[in-house]
Amino acid sequence: MMKWKTKDNGWSPYLAGALVGLLAIASVYATTQWMGKSNYLGASTTFVRAAGLLERTVLPDHVAANEYFTKEKVRVDWQFMLVLGVFLGALISSATDKSFKLESIPPIWKKRFGPSIGKRAMGAFFGGIVAMVGARMADGCPSGHGLSGMMQLSVSSFVALTMFFSVGVLVAILVYGRRSL
């Protein structure tokens, strides 16, 4: 019998995975019906567009002349709203299962690197840059390749997802060390 909650009262990863799969199918169906073409789930382009929206407030001419922003229009679209919904959904979910807490330094980071908020901020900032550069090089993020690419049985998505996981495991081992079992 499948459990719908984990020991810590969180969602079952099986239920969450099944719901994300249904969301992916629904997004393809809905965008095909309403927009005339299939649009798949992904998040990295949305973050780049958000950066373009912010940049456009101070340098509108630069954004208008930018080759990438000409190709990937700077706009709030359904994927932008999806990413916003993911944030709000996670916030609501963690608030309802009472797992929400504000913390400047996660315990695993503090144990490995100490209590420095500046060090944590720099790690997050540079980690975000590496992740976005990797997502742009792979022509999509792990969620895009993992959900949408796998749905299409895309060979490039199998390769990209294998690389994302392999490098992620190696970096986790390098950064946090091996844990004793």
C-alpha atoms as a PDB file:
ATOM      1  CA  MET A   1       0.000   0.000   0.000  1.00  0.00           C
ATOM      2  CA  MET A   2       1.370   3.406  -1.022  1.00  0.00           C
ATOM      3  CA  LYS A   3       1.809   6.002   1.686  1.00  0.00           C
ATOM      4  CA  TRP A   4       0.781   9.530   0.753  1.00  0.00           C
ATOM      5  CA  LYS A   5       2.883  11.163   3.462  1.00  0.00           C
ATOM      6  CA  THR A   6       6.466  10.628   4.600  1.00  0.00           C
ATOM      7  CA  LYS A   7       7.611  10.123   8.204  1.00  0.00           C
ATOM      8  CA  ASP A   8       8.163  13.858   8.614  1.00  0.00           C
ATOM      9  CA  ASN A   9       4.617  14.533   7.338  1.00  0.00           C
ATOM     10  CA  GLY A  10       5.870  15.697   3.916  1.00  0.00           C
ATOM     11  CA  TRP A  11       4.463  14.618   0.580  1.00  0.00           C
ATOM     12  CA  SER A  12       5.283  11.204  -0.796  1.00  0.00           C
ATOM     13  CA  PRO A  13       7.800  11.546  -3.643  1.00  0.00           C
ATOM     14  CA  TYR A  14       5.688   9.055  -5.634  1.00  0.00           C
ATOM     15  CA  LEU A  15       2.577  11.203  -5.334  1.00  0.00           C
ATOM     16  CA  ALA A  16       4.522  14.392  -6.095  1.00  0.00           C
ATOM     17  CA  GLY A  17       6.185  12.749  -9.130  1.00  0.00           C
ATOM     18  CA  ALA A  18       2.852  11.490 -10.459  1.00  0.00           C
ATOM     19  CA  LEU A  19       1.319  14.948 -10.074  1.00  0.00           C
ATOM     20  CA  VAL A  20       4.258  16.594 -11.863  1.00  0.00           C
ATOM     21  CA  GLY A  21       3.860  14.045 -14.679  1.00  0.00           C
ATOM     22  CA  LEU A  22       0.181  14.932 -14.992  1.00  0.00           C
ATOM     23  CA  LEU A  23       1.098  18.621 -14.985  1.00  0.00           C
ATOM     24  CA  ALA A  24       3.586  18.038 -17.821  1.00  0.00           C
ATOM     25  CA  ILE A  25       0.957  16.254 -19.905  1.00  0.00           C
ATOM     26  CA  ALA A  26      -1.624  18.955 -19.137  1.00  0.00           C
ATOM     27  CA  SER A  27       0.815  21.719 -20.124  1.00  0.00           C
ATOM     28  CA  VAL A  28       1.470  20.152 -23.519  1.00  0.00           C
ATOM     29  CA  TYR A  29      -2.248  19.623 -24.110  1.00  0.00           C
ATOM     30  CA  ALA A  30      -3.258  23.107 -22.948  1.00  0.00           C
ATOM     31  CA  THR A  31      -0.570  24.971 -24.877  1.00  0.00           C
ATOM     32  CA  THR A  32      -1.289  22.949 -28.017  1.00  0.00           C
ATOM     33  CA  GLN A  33      -4.991  23.764 -27.758  1.00  0.00           C
ATOM     34  CA  TRP A  34      -4.638  27.451 -26.897  1.00  0.00           C
ATOM     35  CA  MET A  35      -1.387  28.432 -28.582  1.00  0.00           C
ATOM     36  CA  GLY A  36      -1.330  26.074 -31.545  1.00  0.00           C
ATOM     37  CA  LYS A  37       2.062  24.593 -30.642  1.00  0.00           C
ATOM     38  CA  SER A  38       3.384  22.357 -27.887  1.00  0.00           C
ATOM     39  CA  ASN A  39       5.224  24.039 -25.051  1.00  0.00           C
ATOM     40  CA  TYR A  40       6.967  21.886 -22.530  1.00  0.00           C
ATOM     41  CA  LEU A  41       7.834  22.396 -18.873  1.00  0.00           C
ATOM     42  CA  GLY A  42      11.103  24.058 -18.015  1.00  0.00           C
ATOM     43  CA  ALA A  43      12.360  26.880 -15.831  1.00  0.00           C
ATOM     44  CA  SER A  44      15.757  28.174 -16.949  1.00  0.00           C
ATOM     45  CA  THR A  45      14.415  30.391 -19.743  1.00  0.00           C
ATOM     46  CA  THR A  46      11.988  31.933 -17.267  1.00  0.00           C
ATOM     47  CA  PHE A  47      14.840  32.979 -14.972  1.00  0.00           C
ATOM     48  CA  VAL A  48      16.692  34.546 -17.904  1.00  0.00           C
ATOM     49  CA  ARG A  49      13.508  36.390 -18.899  1.00  0.00           C
ATOM     50  CA  ALA A  50      13.100  37.609 -15.310  1.00  0.00           C
ATOM     51  CA  ALA A  51      16.648  38.985 -15.480  1.00  0.00           C
ATOM     52  CA  GLY A  52      15.692  40.677 -18.765  1.00  0.00           C
ATOM     53  CA  LEU A  53      12.611  42.227 -17.152  1.00  0.00           C
ATOM     54  CA  LEU A  54      14.737  43.621 -14.334  1.00  0.00           C
ATOM     55  CA  GLU A  55      17.416  44.846 -16.727  1.00  0.00           C
ATOM     56  CA  ARG A  56      14.805  46.459 -18.961  1.00  0.00           C
ATOM     57  CA  THR A  57      13.804  48.772 -16.102  1.00  0.00           C
ATOM     58  CA  VAL A  58      17.280  50.377 -16.086  1.00  0.00           C
ATOM     59  CA  LEU A  59      18.695  49.674 -19.578  1.00  0.00           C
ATOM     60  CA  PRO A  60      15.770  49.256 -22.005  1.00  0.00           C
ATOM     61  CA  ASP A  61      17.905  49.947 -25.093  1.00  0.00           C
ATOM     62  CA  HIS A  62      20.416  47.267 -24.118  1.00  0.00           C
ATOM     63  CA  VAL A  63      17.678  44.659 -23.707  1.00  0.00           C
ATOM     64  CA  ALA A  64      16.076  45.653 -27.039  1.00  0.00           C
ATOM     65  CA  ALA A  65      19.436  45.263 -28.834  1.00  0.00           C
ATOM     66  CA  ASN A  66      20.453  42.033 -27.058  1.00  0.00           C
ATOM     67  CA  GLU A  67      20.481  39.118 -29.521  1.00  0.00           C
ATOM     68  CA  TYR A  68      19.358  36.569 -26.933  1.00  0.00           C
ATOM     69  CA  PHE A  69      16.462  38.707 -25.702  1.00  0.00           C
ATOM     70  CA  THR A  70      15.408  39.271 -29.314  1.00  0.00           C
ATOM     71  CA  LYS A  71      15.144  35.494 -29.757  1.00  0.00           C
ATOM     72  CA  GLU A  72      13.723  34.731 -26.289  1.00  0.00           C
ATOM     73  CA  LYS A  73      11.249  37.561 -25.813  1.00  0.00           C
ATOM     74  CA  VAL A  74      11.343  39.267 -22.421  1.00  0.00           C
ATOM     75  CA  ARG A  75       7.808  38.736 -21.193  1.00  0.00           C
ATOM     76  CA  VAL A  76       5.619  37.269 -18.503  1.00  0.00           C
ATOM     77  CA  ASP A  77       4.135  34.140 -20.053  1.00  0.00           C
ATOM     78  CA  TRP A  78       2.589  30.877 -18.848  1.00  0.00           C
ATOM     79  CA  GLN A  79       6.000  29.420 -17.914  1.00  0.00           C
ATOM     80  CA  PHE A  80       6.826  32.534 -15.910  1.00  0.00           C
ATOM     81  CA  MET A  81       3.553  32.096 -14.033  1.00  0.00           C
ATOM     82  CA  LEU A  82       4.325  28.381 -13.594  1.00  0.00           C
ATOM     83  CA  VAL A  83       7.650  29.173 -11.894  1.00  0.00           C
ATOM     84  CA  LEU A  84       5.890  31.711  -9.687  1.00  0.00           C
ATOM     85  CA  GLY A  85       3.276  29.038  -8.913  1.00  0.00           C
ATOM     86  CA  VAL A  86       6.004  26.541  -7.988  1.00  0.00           C
ATOM     87  CA  PHE A  87       7.380  29.038  -5.474  1.00  0.00           C
ATOM     88  CA  LEU A  88       3.955  29.836  -4.033  1.00  0.00           C
ATOM     89  CA  GLY A  89       2.929  26.157  -4.020  1.00  0.00           C
ATOM     90  CA  ALA A  90       6.083  25.178  -2.126  1.00  0.00           C
ATOM     91  CA  LEU A  91       5.487  27.981   0.361  1.00  0.00           C
ATOM     92  CA  ILE A  92       1.857  26.955   0.923  1.00  0.00           C
ATOM     93  CA  SER A  93       2.766  23.263   1.117  1.00  0.00           C
ATOM     94  CA  SER A  94       5.518  23.820   3.686  1.00  0.00           C
ATOM     95  CA  ALA A  95       3.267  26.113   5.704  1.00  0.00           C
ATOM     96  CA  THR A  96       0.411  23.588   5.769  1.00  0.00           C
ATOM     97  CA  ASP A  97       2.567  20.615   6.774  1.00  0.00           C
ATOM     98  CA  LYS A  98       4.340  22.820   9.345  1.00  0.00           C
ATOM     99  CA  SER A  99       7.806  22.233   7.863  1.00  0.00           C
ATOM    100  CA  PHE A 100       8.332  25.901   6.918  1.00  0.00           C
ATOM    101  CA  LYS A 101      11.120  27.696   8.711  1.00  0.00           C
ATOM    102  CA  LEU A 102      13.332  30.646   7.916  1.00  0.00           C
ATOM    103  CA  GLU A 103      17.016  29.893   8.132  1.00  0.00           C
ATOM    104  CA  SER A 104      19.934  31.910   6.875  1.00  0.00           C
ATOM    105  CA  ILE A 105      22.302  28.949   6.936  1.00  0.00           C
ATOM    106  CA  PRO A 106      21.082  25.363   6.382  1.00  0.00           C
ATOM    107  CA  PRO A 107      22.405  22.964   9.042  1.00  0.00           C
ATOM    108  CA  ILE A 108      24.348  20.827   6.530  1.00  0.00           C
ATOM    109  CA  TRP A 109      26.119  23.960   5.227  1.00  0.00           C
ATOM    110  CA  LYS A 110      26.872  25.210   8.759  1.00  0.00           C
ATOM    111  CA  LYS A 111      28.340  21.827   9.743  1.00  0.00           C
ATOM    112  CA  ARG A 112      30.648  21.762   6.710  1.00  0.00           C
ATOM    113  CA  PHE A 113      31.560  25.440   6.191  1.00  0.00           C
ATOM    114  CA  GLY A 114      30.633  27.271   9.377  1.00  0.00           C
ATOM    115  CA  PRO A 115      28.068  29.964  10.196  1.00  0.00           C
ATOM    116  CA  SER A 116      29.184  32.678   7.718  1.00  0.00           C
ATOM    117  CA  ILE A 117      26.173  34.157   5.918  1.00  0.00           C
ATOM    118  CA  GLY A 118      28.501  35.908   3.447  1.00  0.00           C
ATOM    119  CA  LYS A 119      30.195  32.628   2.505  1.00  0.00           C
ATOM    120  CA  ARG A 120      26.774  30.986   2.034  1.00  0.00           C
ATOM    121  CA  ALA A 121      25.544  33.913  -0.090  1.00  0.00           C
ATOM    122  CA  MET A 122      28.638  33.773  -2.310  1.00  0.00           C
ATOM    123  CA  GLY A 123      28.314  29.994  -2.681  1.00  0.00           C
ATOM    124  CA  ALA A 124      24.652  30.340  -3.674  1.00  0.00           C
ATOM    125  CA  PHE A 125      25.413  33.218  -6.072  1.00  0.00           C
ATOM    126  CA  PHE A 126      28.261  31.465  -7.887  1.00  0.00           C
ATOM    127  CA  GLY A 127      26.424  28.138  -7.813  1.00  0.00           C
ATOM    128  CA  GLY A 128      23.474  29.843  -9.494  1.00  0.00           C
ATOM    129  CA  ILE A 129      25.744  31.245 -12.199  1.00  0.00           C
ATOM    130  CA  VAL A 130      27.249  27.802 -12.868  1.00  0.00           C
ATOM    131  CA  ALA A 131      23.773  26.243 -12.985  1.00  0.00           C
ATOM    132  CA  MET A 132      22.444  28.835 -15.443  1.00  0.00           C
ATOM    133  CA  VAL A 133      25.504  28.627 -17.704  1.00  0.00           C
ATOM    134  CA  GLY A 134      25.125  24.827 -17.713  1.00  0.00           C
ATOM    135  CA  ALA A 135      21.410  25.094 -18.471  1.00  0.00           C
ATOM    136  CA  ARG A 136      22.100  27.458 -21.379  1.00  0.00           C
ATOM    137  CA  MET A 137      24.885  25.182 -22.712  1.00  0.00           C
ATOM    138  CA  ALA A 138      22.585  22.136 -22.486  1.00  0.00           C
ATOM    139  CA  ASP A 139      19.772  24.149 -24.118  1.00  0.00           C
ATOM    140  CA  GLY A 140      17.551  23.530 -21.116  1.00  0.00           C
ATOM    141  CA  CYS A 141      17.476  22.969 -17.405  1.00  0.00           C
ATOM    142  CA  PRO A 142      17.205  19.671 -15.513  1.00  0.00           C
ATOM    143  CA  SER A 143      13.436  20.084 -15.158  1.00  0.00           C
ATOM    144  CA  GLY A 144      13.061  20.775 -18.874  1.00  0.00           C
ATOM    145  CA  HIS A 145      15.220  17.841 -19.932  1.00  0.00           C
ATOM    146  CA  GLY A 146      13.988  15.570 -17.150  1.00  0.00           C
ATOM    147  CA  LEU A 147      10.285  16.172 -17.566  1.00  0.00           C
ATOM    148  CA  SER A 148       9.732  17.367 -21.106  1.00  0.00           C
ATOM    149  CA  GLY A 149      12.675  15.742 -22.842  1.00  0.00           C
ATOM    150  CA  MET A 150      12.078  12.365 -21.229  1.00  0.00           C
ATOM    151  CA  MET A 151       8.387  12.602 -22.193  1.00  0.00           C
ATOM    152  CA  GLN A 152       9.522  12.901 -25.798  1.00  0.00           C
ATOM    153  CA  LEU A 153      12.177  10.169 -25.418  1.00  0.00           C
ATOM    154  CA  SER A 154      14.775  12.702 -26.528  1.00  0.00           C
ATOM    155  CA  VAL A 155      18.284  11.236 -26.722  1.00  0.00           C
ATOM    156  CA  SER A 156      19.822  14.631 -25.926  1.00  0.00           C
ATOM    157  CA  SER A 157      17.671  14.818 -22.794  1.00  0.00           C
ATOM    158  CA  PHE A 158      18.823  11.373 -21.661  1.00  0.00           C
ATOM    159  CA  VAL A 159      22.443  12.517 -22.130  1.00  0.00           C
ATOM    160  CA  ALA A 160      21.869  15.913 -20.477  1.00  0.00           C
ATOM    161  CA  LEU A 161      20.020  14.413 -17.508  1.00  0.00           C
ATOM    162  CA  THR A 162      22.727  11.773 -17.046  1.00  0.00           C
ATOM    163  CA  MET A 163      25.329  14.555 -17.003  1.00  0.00           C
ATOM    164  CA  PHE A 164      23.288  16.724 -14.593  1.00  0.00           C
ATOM    165  CA  PHE A 165      22.958  13.853 -12.110  1.00  0.00           C
ATOM    166  CA  SER A 166      26.536  12.578 -12.487  1.00  0.00           C
ATOM    167  CA  VAL A 167      28.131  15.986 -12.027  1.00  0.00           C
ATOM    168  CA  GLY A 168      25.686  16.775  -9.208  1.00  0.00           C
ATOM    169  CA  VAL A 169      26.703  13.643  -7.326  1.00  0.00           C
ATOM    170  CA  LEU A 170      30.410  14.380  -7.849  1.00  0.00           C
ATOM    171  CA  VAL A 171      30.068  17.986  -6.705  1.00  0.00           C
ATOM    172  CA  ALA A 172      28.036  16.932  -3.645  1.00  0.00           C
ATOM    173  CA  ILE A 173      30.767  14.458  -2.710  1.00  0.00           C
ATOM    174  CA  LEU A 174      33.469  17.092  -3.232  1.00  0.00           C
ATOM    175  CA  VAL A 175      31.615  19.809  -1.323  1.00  0.00           C
ATOM    176  CA  TYR A 176      30.076  17.810   1.514  1.00  0.00           C
ATOM    177  CA  GLY A 177      32.247  14.709   1.566  1.00  0.00           C
ATOM    178  CA  ARG A 178      31.056  11.138   1.775  1.00  0.00           C
ATOM    179  CA  ARG A 179      28.664  10.438   4.586  1.00  0.00           C
ATOM    180  CA  SER A 180      29.184   7.376   6.687  1.00  0.00           C
ATOM    181  CA  LEU A 181      26.457   4.760   6.422  1.00  0.00           C
END
